[in-house]
Amino acid sequence: MKKDSGPYKKIKIYCYIIGLIVFLTAFLVSVFLLHNLEKNEKTTGKYMAQVTEKRVRARLDQYIMLSDLLGNYISAGENLDENTFSKLAEKIPNEDGVIKAFELAPDGIVTDIYPKQENEGAFGLDMLQEHERKKDAVVAKESGKYTIGGPYQLKQGGTGALLFNPVYQDNNSDKGEFWGFVILVIDWNRFIDEINLDYLSDADFSYRIWTYDRDGNDRIILAESQDDMPDNILTVECTVPNNTWYFDIIPSKRWIPRSYWIMCIVVSYVFSLLVATVFYLIFSKKHRERQYEAELKNLLNRQKTPARQKQDFYSP
């Protein structure tokens, strides 16, 4: 019987259907496994972002504590003249140089800076009026809470963030009378180096740290590993003094590399082709066996028929 005969055509159709079912099943199983892999990758990415968040908050908490050393002195009503301020600021630990300067700003106007060298450009700056810093300073004053703003282009040169510590002195009221600000000028580049974002790149992750401006309209990029971040990023919020920063993170090769999807399709196709081929061989073999069995019966019947005819011819 020819291979293109009716039975063989039916066998081929059955095998095509089986191959399609096997392909779809294998592909769905592969997709399920890839989604589990993506879930695990996102868990790792979230952990990495949370570790970074904890580093940021830990460093900022240290800066707040340092700011309190000066703020509490003023809140207690002590006279903090230029000489006393310089002596106190000099004793504050700052070995890594992340704190670029300590500033006193009574009524929002910078009157004292330590160290003075290379920071003279900030003298006389009115934080409550200067356009770029005004919104952060006003938020700090009105909320009475530590507020971080920036990073800005500093008047004394370079890029830095400002940690505003609003100071109030007791005047027999619940909140007290606003005295001004103790300000820590944070060297932004050294701060980023200190929280060590390189370990994200070493782990083959792309990242971006950003926040909204005080109007909530525009994004401000604080740090990033590349300009164009892909879609399907994982975002983790980081609460900082009177603000929120956002950490975007994704593996450099995406959660699931494209090559994995291609391999998934190829493996599913090869597996379905193999199964369909095996079924084709099995069905073809059974069909040939039935065909040979039928031919053998026909041959036996043909051999018996002449014998009977001969017997009938010689019978009396």
Protein backbone atom coordinates (compact mmCIF):
# COMPACT_ATOMS: atom_id res chain seq x y z
CA MET A 1 0.00 0.00 0.00
CA LYS A 2 1.29 3.40 -0.90
CA LYS A 3 2.31 5.84 1.82
CA ASP A 4 -0.04 8.49 0.47
CA SER A 5 -3.07 6.17 0.62
CA GLY A 6 -6.10 6.93 2.78
CA PRO A 7 -4.99 5.14 6.00
CA TYR A 8 -1.57 6.78 5.94
CA LYS A 9 -3.12 10.19 5.40
CA LYS A 10 -5.29 9.61 8.47
CA ILE A 11 -2.22 8.55 10.45
CA LYS A 12 -0.42 11.74 9.41
CA ILE A 13 -3.40 13.87 10.46
CA TYR A 14 -3.53 12.12 13.85
CA CYS A 15 0.19 12.69 14.33
CA TYR A 16 -0.09 16.36 13.39
CA ILE A 17 -2.82 16.77 16.01
CA ILE A 18 -0.75 14.93 18.61
CA GLY A 19 2.30 17.04 17.75
CA LEU A 20 0.30 20.25 18.10
CA ILE A 21 -1.11 19.17 21.46
CA VAL A 22 2.35 18.18 22.71
CA PHE A 23 3.83 21.46 21.44
CA LEU A 24 1.19 23.56 23.21
CA THR A 25 1.52 21.52 26.41
CA ALA A 26 5.32 21.75 26.42
CA PHE A 27 5.19 25.46 25.63
CA LEU A 28 2.72 26.15 28.45
CA VAL A 29 4.87 24.18 30.89
CA SER A 30 7.92 26.15 29.75
CA VAL A 31 6.04 29.44 30.19
CA PHE A 32 5.05 28.39 33.70
CA LEU A 33 8.68 27.58 34.55
CA LEU A 34 9.88 30.87 33.05
CA HIS A 35 7.32 32.83 35.06
CA ASN A 36 8.53 31.09 38.22
CA LEU A 37 12.06 32.02 37.24
CA GLU A 38 10.94 35.64 36.70
CA LYS A 39 9.25 35.62 40.11
CA ASN A 40 12.47 34.43 41.75
CA GLU A 41 14.49 37.05 39.86
CA LYS A 42 12.11 39.78 41.01
CA THR A 43 12.41 38.56 44.59
CA THR A 44 16.17 38.89 44.27
CA GLY A 45 15.83 42.33 42.68
CA LYS A 46 13.49 43.50 45.41
CA TYR A 47 15.92 42.30 48.04
CA MET A 48 18.78 44.15 46.34
CA ALA A 49 16.70 47.35 46.19
CA GLN A 50 15.68 47.01 49.85
CA VAL A 51 19.31 46.57 50.87
CA THR A 52 20.14 49.79 49.02
CA GLU A 53 17.18 51.52 50.67
CA LYS A 54 18.39 50.47 54.12
CA ARG A 55 21.87 51.78 53.34
CA VAL A 56 20.47 55.14 52.28
CA ARG A 57 18.25 55.46 55.34
CA ALA A 58 21.05 54.37 57.67
CA ARG A 59 23.38 57.03 56.28
CA LEU A 60 20.72 59.73 56.43
CA ASP A 61 19.92 58.76 60.03
CA GLN A 62 23.58 59.31 60.87
CA TYR A 63 23.47 62.76 59.30
CA ILE A 64 20.31 63.60 61.25
CA MET A 65 22.05 62.59 64.45
CA LEU A 66 24.98 64.85 63.61
CA SER A 67 22.60 67.70 62.84
CA ASP A 68 20.93 67.19 66.21
CA LEU A 69 24.21 67.86 67.99
CA LEU A 70 23.99 71.45 66.80
CA GLY A 71 20.19 71.78 66.72
CA ASN A 72 19.70 70.68 70.31
CA TYR A 73 22.30 73.19 71.44
CA ILE A 74 20.32 76.01 69.85
CA SER A 75 16.94 74.69 71.02
CA ALA A 76 18.20 74.78 74.59
CA GLY A 77 18.72 78.53 74.21
CA GLU A 78 22.50 78.43 74.32
CA ASN A 79 24.42 81.17 72.57
CA LEU A 80 26.00 79.62 69.50
CA ASP A 81 28.39 82.27 68.28
CA GLU A 82 30.74 81.77 65.35
CA ASN A 83 33.64 80.55 67.49
CA THR A 84 31.52 78.06 69.46
CA PHE A 85 29.84 76.82 66.30
CA SER A 86 33.21 76.19 64.60
CA LYS A 87 34.55 74.29 67.62
CA LEU A 88 31.43 72.09 67.82
CA ALA A 89 31.34 71.44 64.07
CA GLU A 90 35.03 70.59 64.06
CA LYS A 91 34.45 67.83 66.63
CA ILE A 92 31.64 66.20 64.66
CA PRO A 93 32.91 63.00 62.96
CA ASN A 94 33.22 63.45 59.20
CA GLU A 95 36.14 61.28 58.22
CA ASP A 96 34.75 60.27 54.83
CA GLY A 97 34.09 63.91 53.87
CA VAL A 98 30.50 63.24 52.75
CA ILE A 99 29.35 66.28 54.74
CA LYS A 100 30.69 69.12 52.67
CA ALA A 101 29.72 71.82 55.16
CA PHE A 102 27.71 72.61 58.30
CA GLU A 103 25.61 75.76 58.05
CA LEU A 104 23.59 77.86 60.47
CA ALA A 105 20.70 79.79 58.94
CA PRO A 106 18.76 81.85 61.52
CA ASP A 107 15.45 82.93 59.93
CA GLY A 108 16.59 80.97 56.87
CA ILE A 109 19.64 83.15 56.07
CA VAL A 110 23.04 81.45 56.11
CA THR A 111 25.28 83.33 58.56
CA ASP A 112 27.81 80.71 59.68
CA ILE A 113 29.56 77.95 57.74
CA TYR A 114 32.08 75.35 58.74
CA PRO A 115 34.49 75.01 57.12
CA LYS A 116 34.56 78.44 55.56
CA GLN A 117 37.21 77.56 53.02
CA GLU A 118 35.66 76.78 49.60
CA ASN A 119 32.17 77.46 50.98
CA GLU A 120 32.16 81.27 51.00
CA GLY A 121 29.68 81.36 48.12
CA ALA A 122 26.84 80.23 50.40
CA PHE A 123 27.14 83.13 52.87
CA GLY A 124 24.03 85.30 53.00
CA LEU A 125 21.90 82.82 51.03
CA ASP A 126 18.23 83.08 52.08
CA MET A 127 16.89 79.54 51.99
CA LEU A 128 13.28 80.69 52.31
CA GLN A 129 13.60 82.96 49.28
CA GLU A 130 16.16 81.36 46.99
CA HIS A 131 14.15 79.83 44.14
CA GLU A 132 15.66 76.36 43.89
CA ARG A 133 15.87 75.66 47.64
CA LYS A 134 12.77 77.58 48.74
CA LYS A 135 10.25 74.76 48.44
CA ASP A 136 12.30 72.32 50.48
CA ALA A 137 13.06 74.95 53.13
CA VAL A 138 9.38 75.94 53.41
CA VAL A 139 8.34 72.29 53.77
CA ALA A 140 10.89 71.85 56.57
CA LYS A 141 9.73 75.01 58.37
CA GLU A 142 6.02 74.30 58.11
CA SER A 143 6.25 70.61 59.01
CA GLY A 144 8.90 71.05 61.70
CA LYS A 145 10.57 67.89 60.41
CA TYR A 146 13.91 67.06 58.90
CA THR A 147 13.78 67.53 55.14
CA ILE A 148 16.21 66.51 52.47
CA GLY A 149 16.31 68.49 49.24
CA GLY A 150 18.30 68.36 46.07
CA PRO A 151 20.67 67.50 44.68
CA TYR A 152 21.40 71.11 43.69
CA GLN A 153 24.20 72.92 41.98
CA LEU A 154 25.77 74.50 45.04
CA LYS A 155 26.69 78.17 45.20
CA GLN A 156 30.13 77.15 46.44
CA GLY A 157 30.52 74.78 43.50
CA GLY A 158 29.81 71.11 42.95
CA THR A 159 26.64 69.10 43.45
CA GLY A 160 25.11 68.53 46.85
CA ALA A 161 21.96 67.70 48.76
CA LEU A 162 20.79 69.76 51.73
CA LEU A 163 19.47 68.26 54.94
CA PHE A 164 17.33 70.93 56.61
CA ASN A 165 16.91 70.64 60.37
CA PRO A 166 14.28 73.21 61.43
CA VAL A 167 15.11 74.49 64.91
CA TYR A 168 12.52 75.89 67.31
CA GLN A 169 13.15 77.57 70.63
CA ASP A 170 10.71 77.33 73.52
CA ASN A 171 8.40 80.32 73.87
CA ASN A 172 5.78 78.60 76.03
CA SER A 173 3.94 77.22 73.01
CA ASP A 174 3.51 73.66 71.77
CA LYS A 175 5.78 74.05 68.76
CA GLY A 176 8.02 76.86 69.89
CA GLU A 177 9.29 79.82 67.93
CA PHE A 178 11.05 79.18 64.66
CA TRP A 179 14.72 80.02 65.02
CA GLY A 180 16.02 78.90 61.64
CA PHE A 181 17.83 75.93 60.17
CA VAL A 182 20.83 73.81 60.90
CA ILE A 183 21.84 72.65 57.42
CA LEU A 184 24.10 69.82 56.40
CA VAL A 185 25.50 70.12 52.90
CA ILE A 186 26.01 66.60 51.59
CA ASP A 187 28.54 66.03 48.84
CA TRP A 188 26.32 64.14 46.42
CA ASN A 189 29.01 62.22 44.54
CA ARG A 190 30.63 61.00 47.74
CA PHE A 191 27.22 60.08 49.16
CA ILE A 192 26.47 57.93 46.11
CA ASP A 193 29.90 56.32 46.40
CA GLU A 194 29.28 55.67 50.09
CA ILE A 195 26.05 53.75 49.59
CA ASN A 196 27.96 51.67 47.02
CA LEU A 197 25.61 51.30 44.09
CA ASP A 198 28.38 49.51 42.20
CA TYR A 199 27.40 46.25 43.84
CA LEU A 200 24.14 46.39 41.85
CA SER A 201 26.09 46.67 38.61
CA ASP A 202 28.42 43.90 39.75
CA ALA A 203 25.35 41.72 40.28
CA ASP A 204 24.30 42.52 36.69
CA PHE A 205 21.41 44.82 37.66
CA SER A 206 20.48 48.13 36.08
CA TYR A 207 19.08 50.75 38.46
CA ARG A 208 17.68 54.23 38.74
CA ILE A 209 16.97 56.33 41.85
CA TRP A 210 14.52 59.15 41.34
CA THR A 211 11.95 61.34 43.06
CA TYR A 212 9.29 63.89 42.18
CA ASP A 213 9.79 67.60 42.54
CA ARG A 214 7.81 69.39 45.27
CA ASP A 215 4.99 70.09 42.82
CA GLY A 216 4.76 66.39 42.03
CA ASN A 217 4.90 67.02 38.29
CA ASP A 218 8.43 66.27 37.14
CA ARG A 219 10.82 63.47 37.92
CA ILE A 220 14.25 64.23 39.33
CA ILE A 221 16.88 61.59 38.55
CA LEU A 222 19.15 61.14 41.56
CA ALA A 223 21.35 58.34 40.23
CA GLU A 224 21.20 55.79 37.43
CA SER A 225 23.32 53.15 35.80
CA GLN A 226 22.08 53.91 32.27
CA ASP A 227 19.98 56.50 30.46
CA ASP A 228 17.31 54.27 28.95
CA MET A 229 15.77 51.91 31.46
CA PRO A 230 13.71 49.08 29.92
CA ASP A 231 10.07 48.36 30.65
CA ASN A 232 8.79 45.94 33.29
CA ILE A 233 11.05 47.40 35.98
CA LEU A 234 10.63 46.71 39.68
CA THR A 235 10.12 49.84 41.80
CA VAL A 236 10.71 50.02 45.56
CA GLU A 237 9.83 53.10 47.63
CA CYS A 238 12.34 54.58 50.05
CA THR A 239 11.04 57.00 52.67
CA VAL A 240 13.60 59.73 53.39
CA PRO A 241 13.19 62.82 55.59
CA ASN A 242 10.01 64.57 54.35
CA ASN A 243 10.31 63.00 50.91
CA THR A 244 10.09 59.71 49.02
CA TRP A 245 12.73 58.29 46.73
CA TYR A 246 12.04 55.48 44.28
CA PHE A 247 14.41 52.69 43.36
CA ASP A 248 13.91 51.17 39.89
CA ILE A 249 15.77 47.93 39.32
CA ILE A 250 15.92 45.25 36.62
CA PRO A 251 18.55 42.71 35.49
CA SER A 252 20.68 44.00 32.63
CA LYS A 253 19.41 41.09 30.49
CA ARG A 254 15.78 41.59 31.63
CA TRP A 255 13.99 39.31 34.07
CA ILE A 256 13.79 36.61 31.39
CA PRO A 257 16.35 36.95 28.57
CA ARG A 258 14.94 36.75 25.05
CA SER A 259 17.16 33.76 24.37
CA TYR A 260 15.21 31.81 27.03
CA TRP A 261 11.96 32.37 25.16
CA ILE A 262 13.55 31.30 21.87
CA MET A 263 14.96 28.19 23.54
CA CYS A 264 11.52 27.50 25.03
CA ILE A 265 9.91 27.55 21.55
CA VAL A 266 12.68 25.46 19.97
CA VAL A 267 12.63 22.81 22.70
CA SER A 268 8.83 22.59 22.58
CA TYR A 269 8.92 22.21 18.79
CA VAL A 270 11.67 19.54 18.81
CA PHE A 271 9.93 17.61 21.59
CA SER A 272 6.57 17.72 19.78
CA LEU A 273 8.24 16.64 16.53
CA LEU A 274 9.91 13.72 18.31
CA VAL A 275 6.65 12.59 19.94
CA ALA A 276 4.73 12.94 16.67
CA THR A 277 7.41 10.90 14.86
CA VAL A 278 7.27 8.13 17.48
CA PHE A 279 3.48 7.96 17.21
CA TYR A 280 3.73 7.92 13.42
CA LEU A 281 6.13 4.98 13.53
CA ILE A 282 3.91 3.12 16.01
CA PHE A 283 0.70 3.72 14.06
CA SER A 284 2.39 2.88 10.76
CA LYS A 285 3.79 -0.35 12.16
CA LYS A 286 0.39 -1.41 13.51
CA HIS A 287 -1.24 -0.53 10.21
CA ARG A 288 1.34 -2.57 8.28
CA GLU A 289 0.85 -5.50 10.66
CA ARG A 290 -2.90 -5.40 10.14
CA GLN A 291 -2.32 -5.07 6.40
CA TYR A 292 0.05 -8.09 6.32
CA GLU A 293 -2.37 -10.07 8.46
CA ALA A 294 -5.22 -9.29 6.07
CA GLU A 295 -3.08 -10.21 3.03
CA LEU A 296 -2.05 -13.46 4.70
CA LYS A 297 -5.68 -14.40 5.35
CA ASN A 298 -6.57 -13.63 1.76
CA LEU A 299 -3.69 -15.80 0.56
CA LEU A 300 -4.79 -18.70 2.76
CA ASN A 301 -8.35 -18.36 1.59
CA ARG A 302 -7.24 -18.45 -2.04
CA GLN A 303 -5.20 -21.59 -1.38
CA LYS A 304 -8.11 -23.35 0.31
CA THR A 305 -10.62 -22.52 -2.38
CA PRO A 306 -8.96 -24.55 -5.27
CA ALA A 307 -8.51 -27.51 -2.90
CA ARG A 308 -12.22 -27.63 -2.16
CA GLN A 309 -13.06 -27.29 -5.82
CA LYS A 310 -10.79 -30.25 -6.66
CA GLN A 311 -12.29 -32.34 -3.90
CA ASP A 312 -15.80 -31.62 -5.16
CA PHE A 313 -14.72 -32.61 -8.73
CA TYR A 314 -13.57 -36.14 -7.73
CA SER A 315 -16.39 -36.88 -5.32
CA PRO A 316 -18.92 -39.69 -6.55
